[in-house]
N, C-alpha and C. Protein backbone atom coordinates (compact mmCIF):
# COMPACT_ATOMS: atom_id res chain seq x y z
N MET A 1 113.20 82.55 109.51
CA MET A 1 112.95 81.48 108.57
C MET A 1 111.49 81.45 108.12
N ASP A 2 110.56 81.85 109.00
CA ASP A 2 109.17 81.87 108.55
C ASP A 2 108.96 82.95 107.50
N ALA A 3 109.65 84.07 107.61
CA ALA A 3 109.55 85.10 106.58
C ALA A 3 110.12 84.58 105.25
N PHE A 4 111.20 83.81 105.32
CA PHE A 4 111.79 83.21 104.12
C PHE A 4 110.79 82.26 103.46
N ALA A 5 110.19 81.38 104.26
CA ALA A 5 109.23 80.41 103.72
C ALA A 5 108.03 81.12 103.10
N ALA A 6 107.53 82.14 103.78
CA ALA A 6 106.39 82.90 103.24
C ALA A 6 106.79 83.60 101.95
N ALA A 7 108.01 84.14 101.89
CA ALA A 7 108.46 84.83 100.69
C ALA A 7 108.63 83.87 99.52
N VAL A 8 109.07 82.65 99.79
CA VAL A 8 109.17 81.66 98.72
C VAL A 8 107.78 81.42 98.12
N GLY A 9 106.79 81.25 98.98
CA GLY A 9 105.41 81.06 98.50
C GLY A 9 104.91 82.26 97.73
N LYS A 10 105.21 83.46 98.21
CA LYS A 10 104.78 84.68 97.52
C LYS A 10 105.48 84.79 96.17
N GLY A 11 106.78 84.50 96.13
CA GLY A 11 107.53 84.58 94.88
C GLY A 11 107.05 83.56 93.86
N ALA A 12 106.64 82.40 94.34
CA ALA A 12 106.17 81.34 93.44
C ALA A 12 104.87 81.71 92.75
N THR A 13 104.10 82.60 93.33
CA THR A 13 102.82 82.97 92.73
C THR A 13 102.93 84.16 91.78
N LEU A 14 104.11 84.75 91.70
CA LEU A 14 104.32 85.91 90.82
C LEU A 14 104.88 85.47 89.47
N HIS A 15 104.70 86.33 88.48
CA HIS A 15 105.26 86.09 87.15
C HIS A 15 106.69 86.62 87.12
N ARG A 16 107.65 85.73 87.22
CA ARG A 16 109.08 86.05 87.11
C ARG A 16 109.47 87.29 87.91
N PRO A 17 109.32 87.25 89.24
CA PRO A 17 109.70 88.43 90.02
C PRO A 17 111.20 88.71 89.88
N GLY A 18 111.53 89.97 89.71
CA GLY A 18 112.91 90.37 89.55
C GLY A 18 113.52 90.86 90.85
N LEU A 19 114.74 91.34 90.75
CA LEU A 19 115.47 91.81 91.92
C LEU A 19 114.74 92.98 92.59
N LYS A 20 114.15 93.88 91.80
CA LYS A 20 113.44 95.03 92.37
C LYS A 20 112.27 94.56 93.25
N GLU A 21 111.49 93.60 92.77
CA GLU A 21 110.37 93.09 93.56
C GLU A 21 110.87 92.31 94.78
N ALA A 22 111.96 91.58 94.61
CA ALA A 22 112.54 90.85 95.74
C ALA A 22 113.00 91.81 96.83
N LEU A 23 113.66 92.89 96.43
CA LEU A 23 114.12 93.88 97.41
C LEU A 23 112.95 94.60 98.07
N ARG A 24 111.92 94.92 97.27
CA ARG A 24 110.71 95.57 97.82
C ARG A 24 110.08 94.68 98.89
N THR A 25 109.88 93.42 98.54
CA THR A 25 109.29 92.48 99.49
C THR A 25 110.19 92.30 100.70
N GLY A 26 111.49 92.14 100.45
CA GLY A 26 112.43 91.99 101.56
C GLY A 26 112.41 93.16 102.50
N LEU A 27 112.33 94.37 101.95
CA LEU A 27 112.28 95.56 102.80
C LEU A 27 110.99 95.64 103.62
N ILE A 28 109.87 95.29 103.01
CA ILE A 28 108.61 95.30 103.75
C ILE A 28 108.70 94.31 104.92
N PHE A 29 109.15 93.09 104.62
CA PHE A 29 109.28 92.09 105.68
C PHE A 29 110.32 92.53 106.71
N GLY A 30 111.47 93.04 106.25
CA GLY A 30 112.55 93.42 107.15
C GLY A 30 112.19 94.57 108.08
N VAL A 31 111.53 95.59 107.54
CA VAL A 31 111.15 96.74 108.37
C VAL A 31 110.15 96.30 109.44
N ILE A 32 109.16 95.52 109.03
CA ILE A 32 108.17 95.06 110.01
C ILE A 32 108.82 94.14 111.04
N GLU A 33 109.71 93.27 110.59
CA GLU A 33 110.40 92.36 111.51
C GLU A 33 111.32 93.13 112.47
N ALA A 34 111.85 94.27 112.04
CA ALA A 34 112.69 95.09 112.91
C ALA A 34 111.85 95.89 113.91
N ILE A 35 110.67 96.29 113.50
CA ILE A 35 109.81 97.10 114.38
C ILE A 35 109.19 96.26 115.48
N THR A 36 108.81 95.01 115.17
CA THR A 36 108.08 94.21 116.17
C THR A 36 108.86 93.94 117.45
N PRO A 37 110.18 93.66 117.43
CA PRO A 37 110.85 93.49 118.73
C PRO A 37 110.92 94.80 119.52
N LEU A 38 110.97 95.94 118.80
CA LEU A 38 110.95 97.22 119.50
C LEU A 38 109.62 97.42 120.21
N ILE A 39 108.54 97.09 119.52
CA ILE A 39 107.22 97.17 120.13
C ILE A 39 107.13 96.21 121.31
N GLY A 40 107.60 94.98 121.10
CA GLY A 40 107.59 93.98 122.17
C GLY A 40 108.41 94.43 123.37
N TRP A 41 109.55 95.05 123.10
CA TRP A 41 110.41 95.55 124.18
C TRP A 41 109.66 96.60 125.00
N GLY A 42 108.98 97.51 124.29
CA GLY A 42 108.18 98.53 124.99
C GLY A 42 107.06 97.91 125.79
N ILE A 43 106.39 96.95 125.21
CA ILE A 43 105.32 96.25 125.93
C ILE A 43 105.88 95.49 127.12
N GLY A 44 107.05 94.89 126.91
CA GLY A 44 107.68 94.12 127.99
C GLY A 44 107.98 94.97 129.20
N LEU A 45 108.29 96.22 128.96
CA LEU A 45 108.54 97.12 130.08
C LEU A 45 107.27 97.40 130.86
N VAL A 46 106.12 97.23 130.21
CA VAL A 46 104.85 97.58 130.83
C VAL A 46 104.02 96.36 131.24
N ALA A 47 103.77 95.45 130.29
CA ALA A 47 102.80 94.38 130.57
C ALA A 47 103.11 93.10 129.80
N SER A 48 104.23 92.48 130.08
CA SER A 48 104.65 91.32 129.30
C SER A 48 103.69 90.14 129.38
N LYS A 49 103.13 89.89 130.53
CA LYS A 49 102.30 88.68 130.67
C LYS A 49 101.05 88.73 129.80
N TYR A 50 100.54 89.92 129.49
CA TYR A 50 99.33 90.02 128.70
C TYR A 50 99.57 89.73 127.22
N ILE A 51 100.64 90.32 126.65
CA ILE A 51 100.89 90.10 125.23
C ILE A 51 101.37 88.67 124.97
N MET A 52 102.18 88.12 125.85
CA MET A 52 102.70 86.78 125.64
C MET A 52 101.59 85.73 125.73
N ALA A 53 100.49 86.08 126.39
CA ALA A 53 99.38 85.14 126.50
C ALA A 53 98.60 85.01 125.20
N TRP A 54 98.73 86.00 124.29
CA TRP A 54 97.90 86.01 123.10
C TRP A 54 98.65 86.06 121.78
N ASP A 55 99.94 86.39 121.75
CA ASP A 55 100.63 86.61 120.48
C ASP A 55 100.60 85.40 119.56
N HIS A 56 100.73 84.20 120.12
CA HIS A 56 100.73 82.99 119.30
C HIS A 56 99.36 82.73 118.67
N TRP A 57 98.30 83.08 119.36
CA TRP A 57 96.95 82.90 118.79
C TRP A 57 96.72 83.88 117.64
N VAL A 58 97.19 85.11 117.79
CA VAL A 58 97.04 86.11 116.73
C VAL A 58 97.83 85.67 115.50
N ALA A 59 99.09 85.25 115.69
CA ALA A 59 99.92 84.80 114.57
C ALA A 59 99.28 83.60 113.89
N PHE A 60 98.82 82.64 114.66
CA PHE A 60 98.18 81.44 114.10
C PHE A 60 96.96 81.81 113.26
N THR A 61 96.11 82.68 113.79
CA THR A 61 94.89 83.07 113.08
C THR A 61 95.20 83.79 111.77
N LEU A 62 96.13 84.76 111.82
CA LEU A 62 96.49 85.49 110.61
C LEU A 62 97.07 84.57 109.55
N LEU A 63 97.97 83.68 109.95
CA LEU A 63 98.58 82.77 108.99
C LEU A 63 97.58 81.75 108.46
N LEU A 64 96.66 81.31 109.30
CA LEU A 64 95.61 80.40 108.86
C LEU A 64 94.73 81.06 107.80
N VAL A 65 94.34 82.30 108.03
CA VAL A 65 93.49 83.02 107.08
C VAL A 65 94.24 83.27 105.77
N LEU A 66 95.48 83.78 105.86
CA LEU A 66 96.26 84.05 104.65
C LEU A 66 96.54 82.76 103.88
N GLY A 67 96.95 81.71 104.59
CA GLY A 67 97.23 80.44 103.93
C GLY A 67 95.99 79.82 103.33
N GLY A 68 94.89 79.88 104.05
CA GLY A 68 93.63 79.36 103.53
C GLY A 68 93.19 80.09 102.28
N ARG A 69 93.39 81.40 102.27
CA ARG A 69 93.05 82.20 101.09
C ARG A 69 93.89 81.78 99.88
N MET A 70 95.18 81.55 100.11
CA MET A 70 96.06 81.12 99.02
C MET A 70 95.64 79.75 98.49
N ILE A 71 95.29 78.84 99.39
CA ILE A 71 94.87 77.49 98.97
C ILE A 71 93.58 77.57 98.15
N ILE A 72 92.62 78.33 98.64
CA ILE A 72 91.34 78.47 97.92
C ILE A 72 91.56 79.08 96.54
N GLU A 73 92.40 80.13 96.46
CA GLU A 73 92.68 80.75 95.16
C GLU A 73 93.39 79.77 94.23
N GLY A 74 94.32 78.99 94.76
CA GLY A 74 95.03 78.01 93.95
C GLY A 74 94.12 76.91 93.44
N LEU A 75 93.21 76.46 94.29
CA LEU A 75 92.28 75.40 93.88
C LEU A 75 91.22 75.90 92.92
N SER A 76 90.87 77.18 92.98
CA SER A 76 89.82 77.71 92.13
C SER A 76 90.31 77.98 90.70
N LYS A 77 91.61 77.96 90.49
CA LYS A 77 92.15 78.20 89.15
C LYS A 77 92.13 76.92 88.34
N SER A 78 91.65 77.03 87.12
CA SER A 78 91.71 75.88 86.22
C SER A 78 92.68 76.22 85.09
N GLY A 79 93.18 75.22 84.42
CA GLY A 79 94.22 75.38 83.42
C GLY A 79 94.00 76.47 82.38
N ALA A 80 92.95 76.39 81.59
CA ALA A 80 92.76 77.31 80.47
C ALA A 80 92.29 78.69 80.92
N GLU A 81 91.57 78.76 82.03
CA GLU A 81 91.01 80.03 82.48
C GLU A 81 91.95 80.81 83.37
N THR A 82 93.08 80.26 83.72
CA THR A 82 93.98 80.90 84.67
C THR A 82 94.53 82.19 84.10
N PRO A 83 94.28 83.31 84.78
CA PRO A 83 94.87 84.57 84.31
C PRO A 83 96.38 84.53 84.54
N PRO A 84 97.13 85.35 83.83
CA PRO A 84 98.57 85.35 84.05
C PRO A 84 98.88 85.79 85.48
N PRO A 85 99.95 85.25 86.05
CA PRO A 85 100.29 85.63 87.43
C PRO A 85 100.62 87.12 87.53
N ALA A 86 100.40 87.68 88.68
CA ALA A 86 100.69 89.09 88.91
C ALA A 86 102.20 89.32 88.88
N ARG A 87 102.59 90.54 88.62
CA ARG A 87 104.01 90.89 88.61
C ARG A 87 104.49 91.30 90.00
N ARG A 88 103.53 91.67 90.87
CA ARG A 88 103.89 92.03 92.24
C ARG A 88 102.68 91.88 93.14
N HIS A 89 102.94 91.69 94.42
CA HIS A 89 101.87 91.61 95.42
C HIS A 89 101.61 93.01 95.96
N GLY A 90 100.38 93.24 96.38
CA GLY A 90 100.03 94.52 96.98
C GLY A 90 100.73 94.72 98.31
N PHE A 91 100.95 95.98 98.65
CA PHE A 91 101.63 96.31 99.90
C PHE A 91 100.93 95.71 101.11
N TRP A 92 99.60 95.84 101.17
CA TRP A 92 98.87 95.40 102.36
C TRP A 92 98.90 93.89 102.53
N LEU A 93 98.88 93.15 101.43
CA LEU A 93 99.00 91.69 101.52
C LEU A 93 100.37 91.31 102.07
N LEU A 94 101.42 91.95 101.57
CA LEU A 94 102.77 91.67 102.07
C LEU A 94 102.91 92.10 103.52
N ALA A 95 102.38 93.27 103.85
CA ALA A 95 102.50 93.76 105.23
C ALA A 95 101.77 92.84 106.21
N THR A 96 100.58 92.38 105.83
CA THR A 96 99.83 91.47 106.70
C THR A 96 100.58 90.16 106.89
N THR A 97 101.15 89.63 105.81
CA THR A 97 101.93 88.41 105.91
C THR A 97 103.16 88.64 106.78
N ALA A 98 103.82 89.78 106.60
CA ALA A 98 105.00 90.09 107.40
C ALA A 98 104.66 90.23 108.89
N VAL A 99 103.55 90.87 109.19
CA VAL A 99 103.13 91.00 110.59
C VAL A 99 102.85 89.61 111.18
N ALA A 100 102.16 88.78 110.43
CA ALA A 100 101.84 87.45 110.93
C ALA A 100 103.09 86.63 111.20
N THR A 101 104.11 86.75 110.34
CA THR A 101 105.32 85.97 110.54
C THR A 101 106.28 86.62 111.54
N SER A 102 106.00 87.85 111.96
CA SER A 102 106.92 88.53 112.88
C SER A 102 106.38 88.67 114.30
N LEU A 103 105.23 88.11 114.57
CA LEU A 103 104.70 88.23 115.93
C LEU A 103 105.56 87.50 116.95
N ASP A 104 106.30 86.47 116.52
CA ASP A 104 107.21 85.82 117.45
C ASP A 104 108.36 86.77 117.81
N ALA A 105 108.75 87.66 116.89
CA ALA A 105 109.77 88.66 117.20
C ALA A 105 109.25 89.66 118.23
N LEU A 106 107.95 89.91 118.21
CA LEU A 106 107.35 90.77 119.22
C LEU A 106 107.50 90.12 120.59
N ALA A 107 107.26 88.82 120.66
CA ALA A 107 107.42 88.10 121.93
C ALA A 107 108.88 88.09 122.37
N VAL A 108 109.79 87.97 121.41
CA VAL A 108 111.22 88.03 121.73
C VAL A 108 111.55 89.40 122.32
N GLY A 109 110.99 90.44 121.73
CA GLY A 109 111.20 91.80 122.24
C GLY A 109 110.72 91.94 123.67
N VAL A 110 109.61 91.30 124.00
CA VAL A 110 109.12 91.32 125.38
C VAL A 110 110.17 90.73 126.30
N GLY A 111 110.73 89.59 125.92
CA GLY A 111 111.77 88.95 126.73
C GLY A 111 113.03 89.78 126.83
N LEU A 112 113.38 90.47 125.75
CA LEU A 112 114.59 91.30 125.75
C LEU A 112 114.47 92.50 126.68
N ALA A 113 113.26 92.88 127.02
CA ALA A 113 113.06 94.01 127.94
C ALA A 113 113.65 93.71 129.31
N PHE A 114 113.84 92.44 129.62
CA PHE A 114 114.34 92.05 130.93
C PHE A 114 115.84 91.77 130.92
N LEU A 115 116.48 91.94 129.77
CA LEU A 115 117.91 91.68 129.63
C LEU A 115 118.65 92.97 129.30
N GLN A 116 119.92 92.96 129.53
CA GLN A 116 120.75 94.12 129.20
C GLN A 116 121.22 94.00 127.75
N VAL A 117 120.38 94.39 126.80
CA VAL A 117 120.73 94.33 125.39
C VAL A 117 120.53 95.69 124.74
N ASP A 118 121.25 95.93 123.66
CA ASP A 118 121.04 97.12 122.85
C ASP A 118 119.89 96.79 121.91
N ILE A 119 118.67 97.16 122.28
CA ILE A 119 117.48 96.77 121.54
C ILE A 119 117.47 97.33 120.12
N VAL A 120 118.01 98.53 119.93
CA VAL A 120 118.02 99.12 118.59
C VAL A 120 118.94 98.31 117.67
N MET A 121 120.14 97.97 118.12
CA MET A 121 121.06 97.19 117.30
C MET A 121 120.49 95.79 117.05
N THR A 122 119.86 95.21 118.05
CA THR A 122 119.25 93.89 117.89
C THR A 122 118.14 93.94 116.84
N ALA A 123 117.28 94.96 116.92
CA ALA A 123 116.18 95.10 115.97
C ALA A 123 116.70 95.34 114.55
N LEU A 124 117.74 96.16 114.41
CA LEU A 124 118.33 96.40 113.09
C LEU A 124 118.92 95.12 112.50
N THR A 125 119.57 94.33 113.33
CA THR A 125 120.15 93.07 112.88
C THR A 125 119.06 92.11 112.42
N ILE A 126 118.00 92.01 113.21
CA ILE A 126 116.87 91.16 112.84
C ILE A 126 116.26 91.64 111.52
N GLY A 127 116.07 92.94 111.37
CA GLY A 127 115.50 93.51 110.16
C GLY A 127 116.36 93.26 108.93
N MET A 128 117.68 93.42 109.06
CA MET A 128 118.57 93.19 107.92
C MET A 128 118.59 91.72 107.52
N ALA A 129 118.62 90.83 108.52
CA ALA A 129 118.61 89.40 108.20
C ALA A 129 117.31 89.01 107.52
N THR A 130 116.20 89.54 108.00
CA THR A 130 114.90 89.22 107.41
C THR A 130 114.80 89.79 105.99
N THR A 131 115.29 91.00 105.78
CA THR A 131 115.28 91.59 104.44
C THR A 131 116.02 90.68 103.47
N THR A 132 117.18 90.23 103.86
CA THR A 132 117.99 89.36 103.00
C THR A 132 117.29 88.04 102.73
N MET A 133 116.76 87.42 103.78
CA MET A 133 116.11 86.11 103.61
C MET A 133 114.82 86.21 102.80
N ALA A 134 114.03 87.26 103.02
CA ALA A 134 112.78 87.40 102.28
C ALA A 134 113.06 87.69 100.80
N ALA A 135 114.06 88.52 100.52
CA ALA A 135 114.42 88.80 99.13
C ALA A 135 114.89 87.51 98.45
N ALA A 136 115.71 86.75 99.14
CA ALA A 136 116.17 85.47 98.59
C ALA A 136 114.99 84.51 98.37
N GLY A 137 114.03 84.53 99.28
CA GLY A 137 112.84 83.68 99.15
C GLY A 137 112.02 84.03 97.92
N ILE A 138 111.86 85.32 97.66
CA ILE A 138 111.12 85.74 96.45
C ILE A 138 111.83 85.23 95.20
N LEU A 139 113.15 85.38 95.17
CA LEU A 139 113.91 84.94 94.01
C LEU A 139 113.88 83.42 93.85
N LEU A 140 113.93 82.69 94.95
CA LEU A 140 113.80 81.23 94.88
C LEU A 140 112.41 80.86 94.38
N GLY A 141 111.40 81.56 94.86
CA GLY A 141 110.03 81.31 94.42
C GLY A 141 109.86 81.54 92.92
N ARG A 142 110.67 82.41 92.35
CA ARG A 142 110.64 82.66 90.90
C ARG A 142 110.87 81.38 90.11
N PHE A 143 111.73 80.51 90.62
CA PHE A 143 112.05 79.26 89.93
C PHE A 143 111.05 78.15 90.26
N ILE A 144 110.51 78.21 91.45
CA ILE A 144 109.55 77.18 91.86
C ILE A 144 108.20 77.39 91.18
N GLY A 145 107.76 78.65 91.05
CA GLY A 145 106.45 78.97 90.49
C GLY A 145 106.19 78.38 89.12
N PRO A 146 107.07 78.61 88.14
CA PRO A 146 106.80 78.06 86.79
C PRO A 146 106.79 76.54 86.76
N VAL A 147 107.56 75.90 87.61
CA VAL A 147 107.60 74.44 87.63
C VAL A 147 106.32 73.87 88.22
N MET A 148 105.82 74.51 89.25
CA MET A 148 104.67 73.97 89.98
C MET A 148 103.33 74.55 89.54
N GLY A 149 103.34 75.68 88.84
CA GLY A 149 102.09 76.30 88.40
C GLY A 149 101.21 76.68 89.58
N ARG A 150 99.91 76.40 89.43
CA ARG A 150 98.96 76.79 90.49
C ARG A 150 99.22 76.07 91.80
N TRP A 151 99.93 74.93 91.72
CA TRP A 151 100.24 74.18 92.95
C TRP A 151 101.21 74.95 93.83
N ALA A 152 101.97 75.88 93.25
CA ALA A 152 102.88 76.71 94.05
C ALA A 152 102.08 77.57 95.03
N GLU A 153 100.96 78.11 94.58
CA GLU A 153 100.12 78.92 95.46
C GLU A 153 99.51 78.07 96.57
N ILE A 154 99.08 76.87 96.20
CA ILE A 154 98.52 75.95 97.19
C ILE A 154 99.59 75.57 98.21
N LEU A 155 100.79 75.23 97.72
CA LEU A 155 101.89 74.88 98.62
C LEU A 155 102.26 76.06 99.51
N GLY A 156 102.27 77.27 98.94
CA GLY A 156 102.55 78.46 99.75
C GLY A 156 101.54 78.63 100.87
N GLY A 157 100.26 78.38 100.57
CA GLY A 157 99.22 78.45 101.61
C GLY A 157 99.42 77.40 102.68
N VAL A 158 99.78 76.19 102.26
CA VAL A 158 100.04 75.12 103.22
C VAL A 158 101.23 75.48 104.12
N VAL A 159 102.27 76.09 103.52
CA VAL A 159 103.45 76.50 104.30
C VAL A 159 103.06 77.54 105.33
N LEU A 160 102.25 78.55 104.94
CA LEU A 160 101.83 79.57 105.90
C LEU A 160 101.02 78.96 107.04
N ILE A 161 100.12 78.06 106.72
CA ILE A 161 99.34 77.39 107.77
C ILE A 161 100.26 76.56 108.66
N GLY A 162 101.23 75.89 108.05
CA GLY A 162 102.20 75.11 108.82
C GLY A 162 103.01 75.97 109.78
N ILE A 163 103.42 77.16 109.31
CA ILE A 163 104.15 78.09 110.18
C ILE A 163 103.26 78.51 111.35
N GLY A 164 102.01 78.81 111.06
CA GLY A 164 101.07 79.19 112.12
C GLY A 164 100.89 78.09 113.13
N CYS A 165 100.74 76.86 112.65
CA CYS A 165 100.59 75.71 113.56
C CYS A 165 101.86 75.52 114.39
N SER A 166 103.01 75.69 113.75
CA SER A 166 104.29 75.55 114.46
C SER A 166 104.41 76.57 115.59
N ILE A 167 104.04 77.81 115.30
CA ILE A 167 104.08 78.86 116.32
C ILE A 167 103.15 78.50 117.48
N LEU A 168 101.96 78.04 117.15
CA LEU A 168 100.98 77.69 118.18
C LEU A 168 101.47 76.52 119.03
N VAL A 169 101.96 75.47 118.38
CA VAL A 169 102.44 74.29 119.10
C VAL A 169 103.62 74.66 120.00
N GLU A 170 104.55 75.49 119.47
CA GLU A 170 105.71 75.89 120.27
C GLU A 170 105.30 76.68 121.50
N HIS A 171 104.39 77.64 121.33
CA HIS A 171 103.99 78.48 122.46
C HIS A 171 103.11 77.75 123.46
N LEU A 172 102.36 76.77 122.99
CA LEU A 172 101.52 76.01 123.92
C LEU A 172 102.30 74.90 124.60
N GLY A 173 103.54 74.66 124.13
CA GLY A 173 104.40 73.65 124.75
C GLY A 173 103.90 72.23 124.52
N LEU A 174 103.32 71.97 123.36
CA LEU A 174 102.74 70.65 123.09
C LEU A 174 103.79 69.60 122.71
N LEU A 175 104.99 70.04 122.33
CA LEU A 175 106.01 69.07 121.91
C LEU A 175 107.22 69.08 122.83
N HIS A 176 107.01 68.81 124.06
CA HIS A 176 108.15 68.74 125.00
C HIS A 176 108.41 67.35 125.43
């Protein structure tokens, strides 16, 4: 769901993203989301307590930086001077966002190392679901962006920061 929310924000900042861009974004998010539980599973076999102690802080920091950047860019745009929205996001921006939203899957992979699961099938399922949700998020963002204008980018940044805070609060156990 965090990949979906991030994709909605990303789609809202683009100029009428089409199915090709939605699938591209979905695949970037899906592949990264599928790889992270595999990495977590491998780490879990070796040193689970170390990665689980820090994954939520890394995710929070990345999402805070990305969300803050989106908010600052949205606030710095004024009506007449606003350049037309981009037609697509760069690979590295999408990959960084995908990594930030998939670090919880890395922690899940660590936990799966201690269970009798088919990690490859689990990772493929996670990747396919994320691909579908992120592509749908981009397409939904297509309709939100024109309605909200520059506020869509600001809202997208707020959503990313909110996801980061949610991950941090959940892992620190502050809401029990």
